[in-house]
Structures are given as structure tokens and as C-alpha cells.
Amino acid sequence: MNRRGTLTVDGSERGGAMKNWRYIGTHAVVAAVFIFLLQRYALSATLESSLLWALTFGGCAAGLAYAQSNR
């Protein structure tokens, strides 16, 4: 399996960097939205606290996705 991108007919690769950044961004946004909704509505936290946790978890999720995409 090729993790860097798709192979073309001549054997060169393309699209690897864009796929990684899209994966990292998606992972960060989904984690941030999840923790925001959990904090705000399930745990009845304040808006400021929910946003802070969302930013923190989004950053951590981006870091984990970046580490996984470079393995």
C-alpha cells in the first residue's frame, strides 16, 4: 500500500501532501466539534470552557494525525 499518494502510469507519485493535510484537518475538526458538543450540552459547561477544550483537543488530534501520517 502506498501511503504517500497515488501512482501514475510512469511510476511518479502525486497528491500525497494534499491528502495528508486534508486528513489532519478533518481529524482536528471532528475531534474539536465532538468535544465541544460533549462539554457544552452533555456536561453543561460554559461556552468559554467548551471552546477552550475544543481548541485543546483539536490541536492534540491534529498532532496525532500528523504523527500517524508520517509513519
N, C-alpha and C. Protein backbone atom coordinates (compact mmCIF):
# COMPACT_ATOMS: atom_id res chain seq x y z
N MET A 1 0.85 -1.17 0.00
CA MET A 1 0.00 0.00 0.00
C MET A 1 0.89 1.23 0.00
N ASN A 2 0.55 2.19 -0.83
CA ASN A 2 1.32 3.41 -0.94
C ASN A 2 0.69 4.50 -0.10
N ARG A 3 1.39 4.98 0.92
CA ARG A 3 0.83 5.98 1.82
C ARG A 3 1.03 7.41 1.33
N ARG A 4 1.95 7.63 0.43
CA ARG A 4 2.27 8.99 0.04
C ARG A 4 1.33 9.58 -0.99
N GLY A 5 0.73 8.81 -1.80
CA GLY A 5 -0.15 9.34 -2.83
C GLY A 5 -0.49 8.27 -3.84
N THR A 6 -1.01 8.70 -4.96
CA THR A 6 -1.37 7.74 -5.99
C THR A 6 -0.25 7.64 -7.01
N LEU A 7 -0.07 6.46 -7.53
CA LEU A 7 0.93 6.24 -8.55
C LEU A 7 0.32 6.51 -9.93
N THR A 8 1.09 7.16 -10.76
CA THR A 8 0.66 7.37 -12.13
C THR A 8 1.23 6.27 -13.01
N VAL A 9 0.93 6.32 -14.27
CA VAL A 9 1.38 5.28 -15.20
C VAL A 9 2.90 5.23 -15.28
N ASP A 10 3.56 6.38 -15.24
CA ASP A 10 5.01 6.40 -15.35
C ASP A 10 5.72 6.13 -14.02
N GLY A 11 4.98 5.86 -12.95
CA GLY A 11 5.58 5.49 -11.67
C GLY A 11 5.78 6.65 -10.72
N SER A 12 5.50 7.87 -11.14
CA SER A 12 5.65 9.00 -10.23
C SER A 12 4.43 9.12 -9.33
N GLU A 13 4.60 9.83 -8.23
CA GLU A 13 3.51 9.98 -7.26
C GLU A 13 2.97 11.39 -7.31
N ARG A 14 1.68 11.51 -6.99
CA ARG A 14 1.08 12.85 -6.92
C ARG A 14 -0.03 12.84 -5.89
N GLY A 15 -0.28 14.00 -5.31
CA GLY A 15 -1.40 14.13 -4.39
C GLY A 15 -1.16 13.68 -2.97
N GLY A 16 0.05 13.34 -2.62
CA GLY A 16 0.31 12.83 -1.28
C GLY A 16 0.21 13.89 -0.20
N ALA A 17 0.79 15.06 -0.44
CA ALA A 17 0.79 16.10 0.58
C ALA A 17 -0.62 16.63 0.84
N MET A 18 -1.39 16.82 -0.21
CA MET A 18 -2.75 17.34 -0.03
C MET A 18 -3.62 16.33 0.71
N LYS A 19 -3.43 15.06 0.45
CA LYS A 19 -4.21 14.04 1.15
C LYS A 19 -3.88 14.05 2.63
N ASN A 20 -2.60 14.19 2.97
CA ASN A 20 -2.21 14.21 4.38
C ASN A 20 -2.78 15.41 5.11
N TRP A 21 -2.69 16.60 4.51
CA TRP A 21 -3.20 17.79 5.18
C TRP A 21 -4.71 17.76 5.31
N ARG A 22 -5.39 17.20 4.33
CA ARG A 22 -6.85 17.07 4.43
C ARG A 22 -7.22 16.10 5.55
N TYR A 23 -6.48 15.02 5.67
CA TYR A 23 -6.71 14.05 6.74
C TYR A 23 -6.47 14.69 8.10
N ILE A 24 -5.39 15.43 8.24
CA ILE A 24 -5.07 16.08 9.51
C ILE A 24 -6.13 17.11 9.88
N GLY A 25 -6.53 17.92 8.93
CA GLY A 25 -7.55 18.94 9.18
C GLY A 25 -8.89 18.34 9.56
N THR A 26 -9.28 17.31 8.84
CA THR A 26 -10.55 16.65 9.13
C THR A 26 -10.53 16.03 10.53
N HIS A 27 -9.43 15.40 10.87
CA HIS A 27 -9.30 14.78 12.18
C HIS A 27 -9.41 15.82 13.29
N ALA A 28 -8.76 16.95 13.10
CA ALA A 28 -8.78 18.01 14.11
C ALA A 28 -10.17 18.61 14.27
N VAL A 29 -10.84 18.87 13.16
CA VAL A 29 -12.18 19.49 13.21
C VAL A 29 -13.19 18.55 13.85
N VAL A 30 -13.15 17.29 13.49
CA VAL A 30 -14.11 16.33 14.05
C VAL A 30 -13.89 16.18 15.55
N ALA A 31 -12.64 16.11 15.98
CA ALA A 31 -12.36 15.99 17.42
C ALA A 31 -12.81 17.24 18.16
N ALA A 32 -12.57 18.41 17.59
CA ALA A 32 -12.96 19.66 18.25
C ALA A 32 -14.48 19.78 18.36
N VAL A 33 -15.19 19.43 17.30
CA VAL A 33 -16.66 19.50 17.34
C VAL A 33 -17.21 18.51 18.34
N PHE A 34 -16.65 17.31 18.36
CA PHE A 34 -17.12 16.30 19.31
C PHE A 34 -16.96 16.76 20.75
N ILE A 35 -15.77 17.24 21.10
CA ILE A 35 -15.54 17.62 22.49
C ILE A 35 -16.33 18.87 22.85
N PHE A 36 -16.53 19.78 21.88
CA PHE A 36 -17.34 20.97 22.15
C PHE A 36 -18.78 20.57 22.49
N LEU A 37 -19.37 19.71 21.66
CA LEU A 37 -20.74 19.28 21.90
C LEU A 37 -20.86 18.50 23.20
N LEU A 38 -19.88 17.67 23.49
CA LEU A 38 -19.89 16.91 24.73
C LEU A 38 -19.82 17.84 25.94
N GLN A 39 -18.89 18.78 25.92
CA GLN A 39 -18.74 19.70 27.03
C GLN A 39 -19.95 20.61 27.19
N ARG A 40 -20.40 21.18 26.09
CA ARG A 40 -21.44 22.21 26.15
C ARG A 40 -22.80 21.64 26.52
N TYR A 41 -23.18 20.54 25.89
CA TYR A 41 -24.55 20.04 26.08
C TYR A 41 -24.65 18.84 27.01
N ALA A 42 -23.73 17.93 26.96
CA ALA A 42 -23.82 16.76 27.84
C ALA A 42 -23.34 17.08 29.26
N LEU A 43 -22.32 17.94 29.37
CA LEU A 43 -21.77 18.25 30.68
C LEU A 43 -22.15 19.64 31.17
N SER A 44 -22.89 20.39 30.37
CA SER A 44 -23.37 21.74 30.71
C SER A 44 -22.26 22.69 31.14
N ALA A 45 -21.17 22.68 30.41
CA ALA A 45 -20.06 23.59 30.71
C ALA A 45 -20.33 24.96 30.10
N THR A 46 -19.57 25.95 30.51
CA THR A 46 -19.73 27.29 29.94
C THR A 46 -19.20 27.31 28.51
N LEU A 47 -19.59 28.34 27.77
CA LEU A 47 -19.15 28.47 26.38
C LEU A 47 -17.64 28.62 26.30
N GLU A 48 -17.06 29.44 27.18
CA GLU A 48 -15.62 29.66 27.16
C GLU A 48 -14.85 28.37 27.45
N SER A 49 -15.32 27.63 28.43
CA SER A 49 -14.67 26.36 28.77
C SER A 49 -14.79 25.35 27.63
N SER A 50 -15.96 25.30 27.01
CA SER A 50 -16.17 24.37 25.91
C SER A 50 -15.27 24.70 24.72
N LEU A 51 -15.14 25.99 24.43
CA LEU A 51 -14.27 26.40 23.32
C LEU A 51 -12.81 26.12 23.61
N LEU A 52 -12.40 26.33 24.85
CA LEU A 52 -11.02 26.04 25.22
C LEU A 52 -10.70 24.56 25.10
N TRP A 53 -11.61 23.72 25.58
CA TRP A 53 -11.41 22.28 25.45
C TRP A 53 -11.43 21.84 23.99
N ALA A 54 -12.30 22.45 23.20
CA ALA A 54 -12.36 22.10 21.77
C ALA A 54 -11.06 22.46 21.07
N LEU A 55 -10.51 23.62 21.39
CA LEU A 55 -9.24 24.04 20.80
C LEU A 55 -8.11 23.10 21.23
N THR A 56 -8.10 22.74 22.49
CA THR A 56 -7.06 21.84 23.01
C THR A 56 -7.15 20.46 22.36
N PHE A 57 -8.34 19.88 22.34
CA PHE A 57 -8.50 18.55 21.76
C PHE A 57 -8.28 18.57 20.25
N GLY A 58 -8.69 19.64 19.59
CA GLY A 58 -8.44 19.75 18.15
C GLY A 58 -6.96 19.80 17.84
N GLY A 59 -6.21 20.55 18.64
CA GLY A 59 -4.76 20.60 18.46
C GLY A 59 -4.09 19.26 18.72
N CYS A 60 -4.53 18.58 19.77
CA CYS A 60 -3.98 17.25 20.06
C CYS A 60 -4.32 16.25 18.97
N ALA A 61 -5.53 16.32 18.46
CA ALA A 61 -5.94 15.41 17.38
C ALA A 61 -5.14 15.70 16.11
N ALA A 62 -4.87 16.97 15.83
CA ALA A 62 -4.05 17.31 14.66
C ALA A 62 -2.64 16.77 14.83
N GLY A 63 -2.10 16.89 16.03
CA GLY A 63 -0.76 16.35 16.27
C GLY A 63 -0.70 14.84 16.11
N LEU A 64 -1.71 14.15 16.61
CA LEU A 64 -1.74 12.69 16.45
C LEU A 64 -1.91 12.28 14.99
N ALA A 65 -2.77 12.99 14.28
CA ALA A 65 -2.97 12.67 12.86
C ALA A 65 -1.69 12.95 12.07
N TYR A 66 -1.00 14.02 12.42
CA TYR A 66 0.27 14.33 11.74
C TYR A 66 1.31 13.22 12.00
N ALA A 67 1.39 12.78 13.25
CA ALA A 67 2.33 11.71 13.58
C ALA A 67 1.99 10.42 12.85
N GLN A 68 0.70 10.11 12.74
CA GLN A 68 0.30 8.88 12.06
C GLN A 68 0.52 8.97 10.55
N SER A 69 0.34 10.15 9.98
CA SER A 69 0.50 10.27 8.53
C SER A 69 1.96 10.23 8.11
N ASN A 70 2.88 10.44 9.04
CA ASN A 70 4.31 10.41 8.73
C ASN A 70 4.98 9.11 9.14
N ARG A 71 4.23 8.11 9.47
CA ARG A 71 4.81 6.82 9.86
C ARG A 71 5.25 6.05 8.65
